[in-house]
Amino acid sequence: MAQTVSDTVIIAWKKKNLTTQQETLFDTLQLQIYNLNDVRYFKKVTPGYTAWNNYYHIRCSASADTVFGILGKSGLFDTIYYDKKVGVECSNPVATNDPLNNTYVNDMLGLPCAWSLTTGNPNHTVGLIDSDFQQNLHSDLWGKVNDSYETGDFTSGGYYKGSVPPAPGTDSYHGLVMSGIIAAIAGNSLGLCGAAYNTKLNLYDYSTAGSGNYHSEVTSALNFAAQNGEKVVNISLRYCAGENEDFVSFHNWVVNQGTTVVYSAGNEREDYLGETSLMYEGVYEIPGIIIVSSVNEDNKTYIGANNSNYRCNRHF
């Protein structure tokens, strides 16, 4: 049975030199469209490059004609047109029997179709920079950790490779959870399966240095991971170090080592629509740096106690 997720991308060129009142109307219109159930994004393309500053992409599915009509009637755009259909379709989506797999998450990410192409490779690792991994790993991760490192001297830890069950009542920690999201075993009728469930992990515990300087410890871990040959590094925490020239230069260096870095957007529930000074300033434009925010089952910004930062016109 084929799985299909098909969206339409609309291109809209906003008129230049709008009045203050018209700019206010534009902000209202953008919010109105963004709040339609199936609008995945309404974003400015290649911001910071003057020639493209008024160029917007809107991606949606069933409401594409509605969105097109709203844009046209507003009088705020010089040009509006349908660009292309985008989506995921395959004839052989892969299913697993892991009871905690979330169907809507897997479908939104297109994982069943992606798994028909690859489920990861045990000869490849994802570098995970985090903390609180839990020394006796959950049984859904047994055999999935290639190596582990402590910040400071970066000696190989090894003790996260655990092959015995965790003690009863042991908490599930952040690093442990992220390990499972990436690489938990599939098809064992236990928990969930990782997005790349045949891939292995190298764990970098930034919290063990004990310096008290959170940003410095994460920087050291990323520096070591890049030198260690990691092709993909996941950092699911908001890591900013002033976003200055050194911060940008460091990330250019990391990418030049052949390392792709995936960051989370942060959990401060900040709405960055219309903002000019944004997190990861100067870094989001570097090819090989990916910044991700979270959405709910309606593909809208997740509303909760630890809400993701969202709606950044520049990247995520």
C-alpha atoms as a PDB file:
ATOM      1  CA  MET A   1       0.000   0.000   0.000  1.00  0.00           C
ATOM      2  CA  ALA A   2       1.477   3.355  -1.020  1.00  0.00           C
ATOM      3  CA  GLN A   3       2.083   6.071   1.511  1.00  0.00           C
ATOM      4  CA  THR A   4       1.699   9.598   0.158  1.00  0.00           C
ATOM      5  CA  VAL A   5       2.255  12.983   1.760  1.00  0.00           C
ATOM      6  CA  SER A   6       1.834  15.682  -0.872  1.00  0.00           C
ATOM      7  CA  ASP A   7       2.074  19.438  -0.378  1.00  0.00           C
ATOM      8  CA  THR A   8       2.023  22.498  -2.605  1.00  0.00           C
ATOM      9  CA  VAL A   9       4.592  25.286  -2.413  1.00  0.00           C
ATOM     10  CA  ILE A  10       3.350  28.788  -3.245  1.00  0.00           C
ATOM     11  CA  ILE A  11       5.802  31.552  -4.147  1.00  0.00           C
ATOM     12  CA  ALA A  12       4.861  35.125  -3.216  1.00  0.00           C
ATOM     13  CA  TRP A  13       6.846  38.308  -3.883  1.00  0.00           C
ATOM     14  CA  LYS A  14       5.853  40.955  -1.349  1.00  0.00           C
ATOM     15  CA  LYS A  15       5.683  44.496  -2.681  1.00  0.00           C
ATOM     16  CA  LYS A  16       8.558  46.753  -1.738  1.00  0.00           C
ATOM     17  CA  ASN A  17       8.182  50.004   0.209  1.00  0.00           C
ATOM     18  CA  LEU A  18       4.946  49.067   1.954  1.00  0.00           C
ATOM     19  CA  THR A  19       3.571  51.638   4.376  1.00  0.00           C
ATOM     20  CA  THR A  20       3.676  50.966   8.101  1.00  0.00           C
ATOM     21  CA  GLN A  21      -0.030  50.159   7.990  1.00  0.00           C
ATOM     22  CA  GLN A  22       0.504  47.714   5.116  1.00  0.00           C
ATOM     23  CA  GLU A  23       3.369  46.026   6.952  1.00  0.00           C
ATOM     24  CA  THR A  24       1.030  45.568   9.919  1.00  0.00           C
ATOM     25  CA  LEU A  25      -1.552  44.040   7.576  1.00  0.00           C
ATOM     26  CA  PHE A  26       1.152  41.714   6.222  1.00  0.00           C
ATOM     27  CA  ASP A  27       2.036  40.510   9.728  1.00  0.00           C
ATOM     28  CA  THR A  28      -1.660  39.864  10.409  1.00  0.00           C
ATOM     29  CA  LEU A  29      -2.075  38.019   7.107  1.00  0.00           C
ATOM     30  CA  GLN A  30       1.015  35.886   7.749  1.00  0.00           C
ATOM     31  CA  LEU A  31      -0.351  34.890  11.142  1.00  0.00           C
ATOM     32  CA  GLN A  32      -3.796  34.146   9.647  1.00  0.00           C
ATOM     33  CA  ILE A  33      -2.298  31.855   7.017  1.00  0.00           C
ATOM     34  CA  TYR A  34       0.146  30.242   9.416  1.00  0.00           C
ATOM     35  CA  ASN A  35      -2.762  29.293  11.679  1.00  0.00           C
ATOM     36  CA  LEU A  36      -4.538  27.308   8.959  1.00  0.00           C
ATOM     37  CA  ASN A  37      -4.372  23.664   9.974  1.00  0.00           C
ATOM     38  CA  ASP A  38      -2.281  22.327   7.108  1.00  0.00           C
ATOM     39  CA  VAL A  39       0.142  25.218   6.508  1.00  0.00           C
ATOM     40  CA  ARG A  40       3.582  23.812   7.236  1.00  0.00           C
ATOM     41  CA  TYR A  41       5.464  27.095   6.913  1.00  0.00           C
ATOM     42  CA  PHE A  42       5.263  30.678   5.659  1.00  0.00           C
ATOM     43  CA  LYS A  43       8.850  31.829   5.478  1.00  0.00           C
ATOM     44  CA  LYS A  44      11.144  34.313   3.844  1.00  0.00           C
ATOM     45  CA  VAL A  45      13.677  32.697   1.529  1.00  0.00           C
ATOM     46  CA  THR A  46      17.434  33.415   1.661  1.00  0.00           C
ATOM     47  CA  PRO A  47      16.975  36.293   4.123  1.00  0.00           C
ATOM     48  CA  GLY A  48      19.839  38.684   4.543  1.00  0.00           C
ATOM     49  CA  TYR A  49      20.425  38.767   0.774  1.00  0.00           C
ATOM     50  CA  THR A  50      18.874  42.090  -0.284  1.00  0.00           C
ATOM     51  CA  ALA A  51      17.679  41.038  -3.735  1.00  0.00           C
ATOM     52  CA  TRP A  52      15.523  38.309  -2.183  1.00  0.00           C
ATOM     53  CA  ASN A  53      14.247  40.066   0.917  1.00  0.00           C
ATOM     54  CA  ASN A  54      10.619  40.107  -0.289  1.00  0.00           C
ATOM     55  CA  TYR A  55      10.535  36.510  -1.541  1.00  0.00           C
ATOM     56  CA  TYR A  56       8.356  34.077   0.462  1.00  0.00           C
ATOM     57  CA  HIS A  57       7.556  30.367   0.382  1.00  0.00           C
ATOM     58  CA  ILE A  58       4.261  29.005   1.731  1.00  0.00           C
ATOM     59  CA  ARG A  59       3.917  25.228   1.979  1.00  0.00           C
ATOM     60  CA  CYS A  60       0.493  23.660   2.527  1.00  0.00           C
ATOM     61  CA  SER A  61      -1.728  20.857   1.261  1.00  0.00           C
ATOM     62  CA  ALA A  62      -5.545  20.994   1.132  1.00  0.00           C
ATOM     63  CA  SER A  63      -5.763  24.753   1.746  1.00  0.00           C
ATOM     64  CA  ALA A  64      -3.418  25.754  -1.119  1.00  0.00           C
ATOM     65  CA  ASP A  65      -6.204  27.399  -3.152  1.00  0.00           C
ATOM     66  CA  THR A  66      -7.509  29.192  -0.040  1.00  0.00           C
ATOM     67  CA  VAL A  67      -4.045  30.526   0.740  1.00  0.00           C
ATOM     68  CA  PHE A  68      -3.548  31.612  -2.869  1.00  0.00           C
ATOM     69  CA  GLY A  69      -6.848  33.536  -2.724  1.00  0.00           C
ATOM     70  CA  ILE A  70      -5.959  35.271   0.556  1.00  0.00           C
ATOM     71  CA  LEU A  71      -2.617  36.367  -0.827  1.00  0.00           C
ATOM     72  CA  GLY A  72      -4.179  37.670  -4.041  1.00  0.00           C
ATOM     73  CA  LYS A  73      -6.945  39.660  -2.358  1.00  0.00           C
ATOM     74  CA  SER A  74      -4.529  41.316   0.083  1.00  0.00           C
ATOM     75  CA  GLY A  75      -2.931  43.555  -2.548  1.00  0.00           C
ATOM     76  CA  LEU A  76       0.401  43.189  -0.737  1.00  0.00           C
ATOM     77  CA  PHE A  77       2.182  41.070  -3.368  1.00  0.00           C
ATOM     78  CA  ASP A  78       3.546  41.780  -6.830  1.00  0.00           C
ATOM     79  CA  THR A  79       3.628  38.141  -7.941  1.00  0.00           C
ATOM     80  CA  ILE A  80       2.014  34.934  -6.634  1.00  0.00           C
ATOM     81  CA  TYR A  81       2.268  31.521  -8.256  1.00  0.00           C
ATOM     82  CA  TYR A  82       2.174  27.806  -7.567  1.00  0.00           C
ATOM     83  CA  ASP A  83       5.718  26.495  -7.594  1.00  0.00           C
ATOM     84  CA  LYS A  84       5.711  22.724  -7.177  1.00  0.00           C
ATOM     85  CA  LYS A  85       4.314  19.689  -5.445  1.00  0.00           C
ATOM     86  CA  VAL A  86       6.469  18.207  -2.726  1.00  0.00           C
ATOM     87  CA  GLY A  87       5.941  15.148  -0.617  1.00  0.00           C
ATOM     88  CA  VAL A  88       6.765  11.569   0.167  1.00  0.00           C
ATOM     89  CA  GLU A  89       5.414   8.592  -1.734  1.00  0.00           C
ATOM     90  CA  CYS A  90       6.484   4.985  -1.837  1.00  0.00           C
ATOM     91  CA  SER A  91       4.958   1.619  -2.640  1.00  0.00           C
ATOM     92  CA  ASN A  92       6.606  -0.316   0.185  1.00  0.00           C
ATOM     93  CA  PRO A  93       6.524   1.615   3.488  1.00  0.00           C
ATOM     94  CA  VAL A  94       8.197  -0.261   6.346  1.00  0.00           C
ATOM     95  CA  ALA A  95       6.254  -0.975   9.536  1.00  0.00           C
ATOM     96  CA  THR A  96       7.672  -2.090  12.883  1.00  0.00           C
ATOM     97  CA  ASN A  97       6.006  -3.689  15.903  1.00  0.00           C
ATOM     98  CA  ASP A  98       7.420  -1.300  18.506  1.00  0.00           C
ATOM     99  CA  PRO A  99       4.430  -0.419  20.729  1.00  0.00           C
ATOM    100  CA  LEU A 100       5.417   3.169  21.588  1.00  0.00           C
ATOM    101  CA  ASN A 101       6.044   4.250  18.006  1.00  0.00           C
ATOM    102  CA  ASN A 102       3.981   7.363  17.365  1.00  0.00           C
ATOM    103  CA  THR A 103       2.213   6.972  14.027  1.00  0.00           C
ATOM    104  CA  TYR A 104       1.645  10.664  13.323  1.00  0.00           C
ATOM    105  CA  VAL A 105       5.294  11.506  14.069  1.00  0.00           C
ATOM    106  CA  ASN A 106       6.573   8.720  11.832  1.00  0.00           C
ATOM    107  CA  ASP A 107       4.196   9.714   9.027  1.00  0.00           C
ATOM    108  CA  MET A 108       5.026  13.424   9.274  1.00  0.00           C
ATOM    109  CA  LEU A 109       8.710  12.602   9.018  1.00  0.00           C
ATOM    110  CA  GLY A 110       8.078  10.131   6.209  1.00  0.00           C
ATOM    111  CA  LEU A 111       9.934   7.456   8.153  1.00  0.00           C
ATOM    112  CA  PRO A 112       8.067   4.391   6.805  1.00  0.00           C
ATOM    113  CA  CYS A 113       9.085   5.436   3.277  1.00  0.00           C
ATOM    114  CA  ALA A 114      12.584   6.457   4.358  1.00  0.00           C
ATOM    115  CA  TRP A 115      13.055   3.034   5.944  1.00  0.00           C
ATOM    116  CA  SER A 116      12.258   1.434   2.578  1.00  0.00           C
ATOM    117  CA  LEU A 117      15.482   3.085   1.373  1.00  0.00           C
ATOM    118  CA  THR A 118      17.667   2.793   4.481  1.00  0.00           C
ATOM    119  CA  THR A 119      17.361   2.057   8.170  1.00  0.00           C
ATOM    120  CA  GLY A 120      20.859   3.263   8.901  1.00  0.00           C
ATOM    121  CA  ASN A 121      24.140   1.428   8.841  1.00  0.00           C
ATOM    122  CA  PRO A 122      25.837  -0.294  11.807  1.00  0.00           C
ATOM    123  CA  ASN A 123      29.191   0.762  10.353  1.00  0.00           C
ATOM    124  CA  HIS A 124      28.177   4.429  10.719  1.00  0.00           C
ATOM    125  CA  THR A 125      27.757   6.363  13.934  1.00  0.00           C
ATOM    126  CA  VAL A 126      25.864   9.441  15.036  1.00  0.00           C
ATOM    127  CA  GLY A 127      27.716  11.537  17.584  1.00  0.00           C
ATOM    128  CA  LEU A 128      25.364  12.540  20.396  1.00  0.00           C
ATOM    129  CA  ILE A 129      26.444  15.422  22.641  1.00  0.00           C
ATOM    130  CA  ASP A 130      24.250  15.403  25.727  1.00  0.00           C
ATOM    131  CA  SER A 131      24.215  14.533  29.431  1.00  0.00           C
ATOM    132  CA  ASP A 132      22.552  12.034  31.787  1.00  0.00           C
ATOM    133  CA  PHE A 133      22.907   8.999  29.567  1.00  0.00           C
ATOM    134  CA  GLN A 134      22.393   6.487  32.404  1.00  0.00           C
ATOM    135  CA  GLN A 135      25.306   4.127  32.834  1.00  0.00           C
ATOM    136  CA  ASN A 136      23.297   0.919  32.473  1.00  0.00           C
ATOM    137  CA  LEU A 137      21.609   1.568  29.157  1.00  0.00           C
ATOM    138  CA  HIS A 138      17.989   0.662  28.516  1.00  0.00           C
ATOM    139  CA  SER A 139      17.665  -2.775  26.911  1.00  0.00           C
ATOM    140  CA  ASP A 140      16.270  -1.125  23.755  1.00  0.00           C
ATOM    141  CA  LEU A 141      19.774   0.305  23.259  1.00  0.00           C
ATOM    142  CA  TRP A 142      21.925  -2.720  24.067  1.00  0.00           C
ATOM    143  CA  GLY A 143      24.692  -3.056  21.528  1.00  0.00           C
ATOM    144  CA  LYS A 144      23.900   0.336  19.949  1.00  0.00           C
ATOM    145  CA  VAL A 145      26.722   2.370  21.548  1.00  0.00           C
ATOM    146  CA  ASN A 146      30.004   2.158  19.713  1.00  0.00           C
ATOM    147  CA  ASP A 147      31.909   4.266  22.251  1.00  0.00           C
ATOM    148  CA  SER A 148      31.431   6.976  24.845  1.00  0.00           C
ATOM    149  CA  TYR A 149      33.544   9.914  25.929  1.00  0.00           C
ATOM    150  CA  GLU A 150      33.700  12.200  28.915  1.00  0.00           C
ATOM    151  CA  THR A 151      34.410  15.866  28.476  1.00  0.00           C
ATOM    152  CA  GLY A 152      37.601  17.144  29.973  1.00  0.00           C
ATOM    153  CA  ASP A 153      40.258  14.654  28.922  1.00  0.00           C
ATOM    154  CA  PHE A 154      37.998  12.895  26.381  1.00  0.00           C
ATOM    155  CA  THR A 155      39.164   9.457  27.377  1.00  0.00           C
ATOM    156  CA  SER A 156      37.025   6.651  26.032  1.00  0.00           C
ATOM    157  CA  GLY A 157      34.454   5.904  28.710  1.00  0.00           C
ATOM    158  CA  GLY A 158      33.059   2.588  27.627  1.00  0.00           C
ATOM    159  CA  TYR A 159      30.752   2.313  30.613  1.00  0.00           C
ATOM    160  CA  TYR A 160      27.676   3.372  28.603  1.00  0.00           C
ATOM    161  CA  LYS A 161      27.870   0.210  26.544  1.00  0.00           C
ATOM    162  CA  GLY A 162      25.983  -1.619  29.313  1.00  0.00           C
ATOM    163  CA  SER A 163      24.614  -5.099  28.752  1.00  0.00           C
ATOM    164  CA  VAL A 164      22.619  -5.441  31.965  1.00  0.00           C
ATOM    165  CA  PRO A 165      19.166  -3.999  32.668  1.00  0.00           C
ATOM    166  CA  PRO A 166      18.986  -0.682  34.559  1.00  0.00           C
ATOM    167  CA  ALA A 167      18.066  -0.830  38.224  1.00  0.00           C
ATOM    168  CA  PRO A 168      14.300  -0.803  38.951  1.00  0.00           C
ATOM    169  CA  GLY A 169      12.912   2.724  39.278  1.00  0.00           C
ATOM    170  CA  THR A 170      15.850   4.310  37.458  1.00  0.00           C
ATOM    171  CA  ASP A 171      14.841   7.566  35.781  1.00  0.00           C
ATOM    172  CA  SER A 172      14.981   8.028  32.020  1.00  0.00           C
ATOM    173  CA  TYR A 173      17.410  10.870  31.403  1.00  0.00           C
ATOM    174  CA  HIS A 174      17.720  13.309  28.524  1.00  0.00           C
ATOM    175  CA  GLY A 175      20.755  11.745  26.882  1.00  0.00           C
ATOM    176  CA  LEU A 176      19.168   8.322  27.207  1.00  0.00           C
ATOM    177  CA  VAL A 177      15.932   9.535  25.583  1.00  0.00           C
ATOM    178  CA  MET A 178      17.798  11.140  22.686  1.00  0.00           C
ATOM    179  CA  SER A 179      19.786   7.938  22.188  1.00  0.00           C
ATOM    180  CA  GLY A 180      16.526   6.040  21.779  1.00  0.00           C
ATOM    181  CA  ILE A 181      15.017   8.551  19.351  1.00  0.00           C
ATOM    182  CA  ILE A 182      18.049   8.126  17.110  1.00  0.00           C
ATOM    183  CA  ALA A 183      18.957   4.453  17.391  1.00  0.00           C
ATOM    184  CA  ALA A 184      16.612   2.347  19.549  1.00  0.00           C
ATOM    185  CA  ILE A 185      16.297  -1.245  18.312  1.00  0.00           C
ATOM    186  CA  ALA A 186      13.410  -1.948  15.931  1.00  0.00           C
ATOM    187  CA  GLY A 187      11.097  -4.931  15.762  1.00  0.00           C
ATOM    188  CA  ASN A 188      11.581  -6.221  19.298  1.00  0.00           C
ATOM    189  CA  SER A 189       8.065  -5.362  20.550  1.00  0.00           C
ATOM    190  CA  LEU A 190       9.682  -3.048  23.081  1.00  0.00           C
ATOM    191  CA  GLY A 191       9.349   0.732  23.444  1.00  0.00           C
ATOM    192  CA  LEU A 192       9.895   2.639  20.203  1.00  0.00           C
ATOM    193  CA  CYS A 193      12.430   2.334  17.419  1.00  0.00           C
ATOM    194  CA  GLY A 194      14.983   4.932  16.427  1.00  0.00           C
ATOM    195  CA  ALA A 195      14.737   7.031  13.280  1.00  0.00           C
ATOM    196  CA  ALA A 196      17.954   5.361  12.089  1.00  0.00           C
ATOM    197  CA  TYR A 197      17.599   2.164  14.053  1.00  0.00           C
ATOM    198  CA  ASN A 198      20.473   0.262  12.446  1.00  0.00           C
ATOM    199  CA  THR A 199      22.939   3.082  13.088  1.00  0.00           C
ATOM    200  CA  LYS A 200      25.192   3.103  16.142  1.00  0.00           C
ATOM    201  CA  LEU A 201      26.058   5.920  18.519  1.00  0.00           C
ATOM    202  CA  ASN A 202      29.112   7.617  19.933  1.00  0.00           C
ATOM    203  CA  LEU A 203      28.149   9.400  23.147  1.00  0.00           C
ATOM    204  CA  TYR A 204      29.834  12.617  24.309  1.00  0.00           C
ATOM    205  CA  ASP A 205      28.861  13.522  27.856  1.00  0.00           C
ATOM    206  CA  TYR A 206      29.572  17.251  28.084  1.00  0.00           C
ATOM    207  CA  SER A 207      28.516  17.444  31.745  1.00  0.00           C
ATOM    208  CA  THR A 208      31.428  15.426  33.114  1.00  0.00           C
ATOM    209  CA  ALA A 209      34.041  18.167  32.752  1.00  0.00           C
ATOM    210  CA  GLY A 210      32.656  19.878  35.842  1.00  0.00           C
ATOM    211  CA  SER A 211      33.828  23.339  34.799  1.00  0.00           C
ATOM    212  CA  GLY A 212      30.396  24.905  35.294  1.00  0.00           C
ATOM    213  CA  ASN A 213      30.778  26.605  31.904  1.00  0.00           C
ATOM    214  CA  TYR A 214      28.024  24.941  29.907  1.00  0.00           C
ATOM    215  CA  HIS A 215      28.848  26.568  26.550  1.00  0.00           C
ATOM    216  CA  SER A 216      32.549  25.850  26.872  1.00  0.00           C
ATOM    217  CA  GLU A 217      31.873  22.188  27.619  1.00  0.00           C
ATOM    218  CA  VAL A 218      29.567  21.769  24.619  1.00  0.00           C
ATOM    219  CA  THR A 219      32.105  23.556  22.396  1.00  0.00           C
ATOM    220  CA  SER A 220      34.857  21.223  23.593  1.00  0.00           C
ATOM    221  CA  ALA A 221      32.669  18.187  22.947  1.00  0.00           C
ATOM    222  CA  LEU A 222      31.779  19.342  19.419  1.00  0.00           C
ATOM    223  CA  ASN A 223      35.418  20.159  18.699  1.00  0.00           C
ATOM    224  CA  PHE A 224      36.478  16.675  19.769  1.00  0.00           C
ATOM    225  CA  ALA A 225      33.603  14.971  17.901  1.00  0.00           C
ATOM    226  CA  ALA A 226      34.570  16.730  14.657  1.00  0.00           C
ATOM    227  CA  GLN A 227      38.204  15.710  15.113  1.00  0.00           C
ATOM    228  CA  ASN A 228      37.013  12.206  15.953  1.00  0.00           C
ATOM    229  CA  GLY A 229      35.569  11.935  12.443  1.00  0.00           C
ATOM    230  CA  GLU A 230      31.859  12.175  13.236  1.00  0.00           C
ATOM    231  CA  LYS A 231      29.827  12.767  10.074  1.00  0.00           C
ATOM    232  CA  VAL A 232      26.646  13.666  11.960  1.00  0.00           C
ATOM    233  CA  VAL A 233      26.435  15.207  15.439  1.00  0.00           C
ATOM    234  CA  ASN A 234      23.169  15.760  17.307  1.00  0.00           C
ATOM    235  CA  ILE A 235      22.941  18.476  19.979  1.00  0.00           C
ATOM    236  CA  SER A 236      19.408  18.583  21.357  1.00  0.00           C
ATOM    237  CA  LEU A 237      19.862  21.604  23.546  1.00  0.00           C
ATOM    238  CA  ARG A 238      20.034  25.301  22.878  1.00  0.00           C
ATOM    239  CA  TYR A 239      23.709  26.012  22.472  1.00  0.00           C
ATOM    240  CA  CYS A 240      24.637  29.656  21.890  1.00  0.00           C
ATOM    241  CA  ALA A 241      27.931  31.279  22.752  1.00  0.00           C
ATOM    242  CA  GLY A 242      27.186  34.883  21.944  1.00  0.00           C
ATOM    243  CA  GLU A 243      26.843  34.183  18.217  1.00  0.00           C
ATOM    244  CA  ASN A 244      29.956  36.254  17.568  1.00  0.00           C
ATOM    245  CA  GLU A 245      32.588  35.910  14.859  1.00  0.00           C
ATOM    246  CA  ASP A 246      34.442  33.195  16.781  1.00  0.00           C
ATOM    247  CA  PHE A 247      31.193  31.221  17.143  1.00  0.00           C
ATOM    248  CA  VAL A 248      30.585  31.426  13.387  1.00  0.00           C
ATOM    249  CA  SER A 249      34.207  30.626  12.501  1.00  0.00           C
ATOM    250  CA  PHE A 250      34.157  27.607  14.784  1.00  0.00           C
ATOM    251  CA  HIS A 251      31.071  26.201  13.053  1.00  0.00           C
ATOM    252  CA  ASN A 252      32.600  26.794   9.641  1.00  0.00           C
ATOM    253  CA  TRP A 253      35.595  24.805  10.828  1.00  0.00           C
ATOM    254  CA  VAL A 254      33.371  21.981  12.123  1.00  0.00           C
ATOM    255  CA  VAL A 255      31.528  21.714   8.796  1.00  0.00           C
ATOM    256  CA  ASN A 256      34.829  21.780   6.917  1.00  0.00           C
ATOM    257  CA  GLN A 257      35.837  18.648   8.837  1.00  0.00           C
ATOM    258  CA  GLY A 258      32.921  16.914   7.082  1.00  0.00           C
ATOM    259  CA  THR A 259      30.593  17.111  10.093  1.00  0.00           C
ATOM    260  CA  THR A 260      26.884  17.953   9.836  1.00  0.00           C
ATOM    261  CA  VAL A 261      25.452  19.361  13.088  1.00  0.00           C
ATOM    262  CA  VAL A 262      21.781  19.125  14.051  1.00  0.00           C
ATOM    263  CA  TYR A 263      20.647  21.543  16.783  1.00  0.00           C
ATOM    264  CA  SER A 264      17.365  21.965  18.589  1.00  0.00           C
ATOM    265  CA  ALA A 265      15.840  25.438  18.519  1.00  0.00           C
ATOM    266  CA  GLY A 266      15.468  25.647  22.298  1.00  0.00           C
ATOM    267  CA  ASN A 267      12.510  25.403  24.676  1.00  0.00           C
ATOM    268  CA  GLU A 268      11.822  29.003  25.643  1.00  0.00           C
ATOM    269  CA  ARG A 269       8.540  29.179  23.682  1.00  0.00           C
ATOM    270  CA  GLU A 270       9.767  32.213  21.785  1.00  0.00           C
ATOM    271  CA  ASP A 271       7.977  33.314  18.613  1.00  0.00           C
ATOM    272  CA  TYR A 272      10.599  34.692  16.223  1.00  0.00           C
ATOM    273  CA  LEU A 273       8.164  35.931  13.561  1.00  0.00           C
ATOM    274  CA  GLY A 274       9.440  39.311  12.381  1.00  0.00           C
ATOM    275  CA  GLU A 275      12.492  39.300  14.635  1.00  0.00           C
ATOM    276  CA  THR A 276      15.754  40.641  13.232  1.00  0.00           C
ATOM    277  CA  SER A 277      18.121  39.354  15.935  1.00  0.00           C
ATOM    278  CA  LEU A 278      17.763  35.602  16.201  1.00  0.00           C
ATOM    279  CA  MET A 279      19.384  32.657  17.890  1.00  0.00           C
ATOM    280  CA  TYR A 280      22.292  31.050  16.052  1.00  0.00           C
ATOM    281  CA  GLU A 281      22.844  34.351  14.245  1.00  0.00           C
ATOM    282  CA  GLY A 282      25.245  33.784  11.363  1.00  0.00           C
ATOM    283  CA  VAL A 283      25.321  30.006  11.885  1.00  0.00           C
ATOM    284  CA  TYR A 284      21.947  29.028  10.421  1.00  0.00           C
ATOM    285  CA  GLU A 285      23.161  29.949   6.919  1.00  0.00           C
ATOM    286  CA  ILE A 286      26.146  27.589   6.992  1.00  0.00           C
ATOM    287  CA  PRO A 287      25.492  24.492   4.839  1.00  0.00           C
ATOM    288  CA  GLY A 288      25.795  21.565   7.208  1.00  0.00           C
ATOM    289  CA  ILE A 289      24.175  23.294  10.205  1.00  0.00           C
ATOM    290  CA  ILE A 290      20.544  22.251  10.731  1.00  0.00           C
ATOM    291  CA  ILE A 291      18.287  23.812  13.384  1.00  0.00           C
ATOM    292  CA  VAL A 292      15.024  22.058  14.240  1.00  0.00           C
ATOM    293  CA  SER A 293      11.926  23.107  16.158  1.00  0.00           C
ATOM    294  CA  SER A 294       9.020  20.893  17.216  1.00  0.00           C
ATOM    295  CA  VAL A 295       5.417  20.665  16.036  1.00  0.00           C
ATOM    296  CA  ASN A 296       2.306  18.818  17.179  1.00  0.00           C
ATOM    297  CA  GLU A 297       0.078  16.374  15.273  1.00  0.00           C
ATOM    298  CA  ASP A 298      -1.495  19.304  13.378  1.00  0.00           C
ATOM    299  CA  ASN A 299       1.988  20.345  12.266  1.00  0.00           C
ATOM    300  CA  LYS A 300       1.753  23.445  14.442  1.00  0.00           C
ATOM    301  CA  THR A 301       4.161  24.697  17.067  1.00  0.00           C
ATOM    302  CA  TYR A 302       4.021  22.395  20.050  1.00  0.00           C
ATOM    303  CA  ILE A 303       2.254  24.044  22.987  1.00  0.00           C
ATOM    304  CA  GLY A 304       3.426  22.723  26.307  1.00  0.00           C
ATOM    305  CA  ALA A 305       5.485  23.389  29.393  1.00  0.00           C
ATOM    306  CA  ASN A 306       8.736  23.136  27.462  1.00  0.00           C
ATOM    307  CA  ASN A 307       7.560  24.660  24.216  1.00  0.00           C
ATOM    308  CA  SER A 308       9.947  24.840  21.279  1.00  0.00           C
ATOM    309  CA  ASN A 309      11.107  28.164  19.912  1.00  0.00           C
ATOM    310  CA  TYR A 310       9.545  28.531  16.507  1.00  0.00           C
ATOM    311  CA  ARG A 311       8.578  30.424  13.379  1.00  0.00           C
ATOM    312  CA  CYS A 312      11.998  31.802  12.663  1.00  0.00           C
ATOM    313  CA  ASN A 313      11.802  33.377   9.212  1.00  0.00           C
ATOM    314  CA  ARG A 314      15.401  32.445   8.603  1.00  0.00           C
ATOM    315  CA  HIS A 315      15.802  28.753   9.051  1.00  0.00           C
ATOM    316  CA  PHE A 316      13.561  26.419  11.002  1.00  0.00           C
END
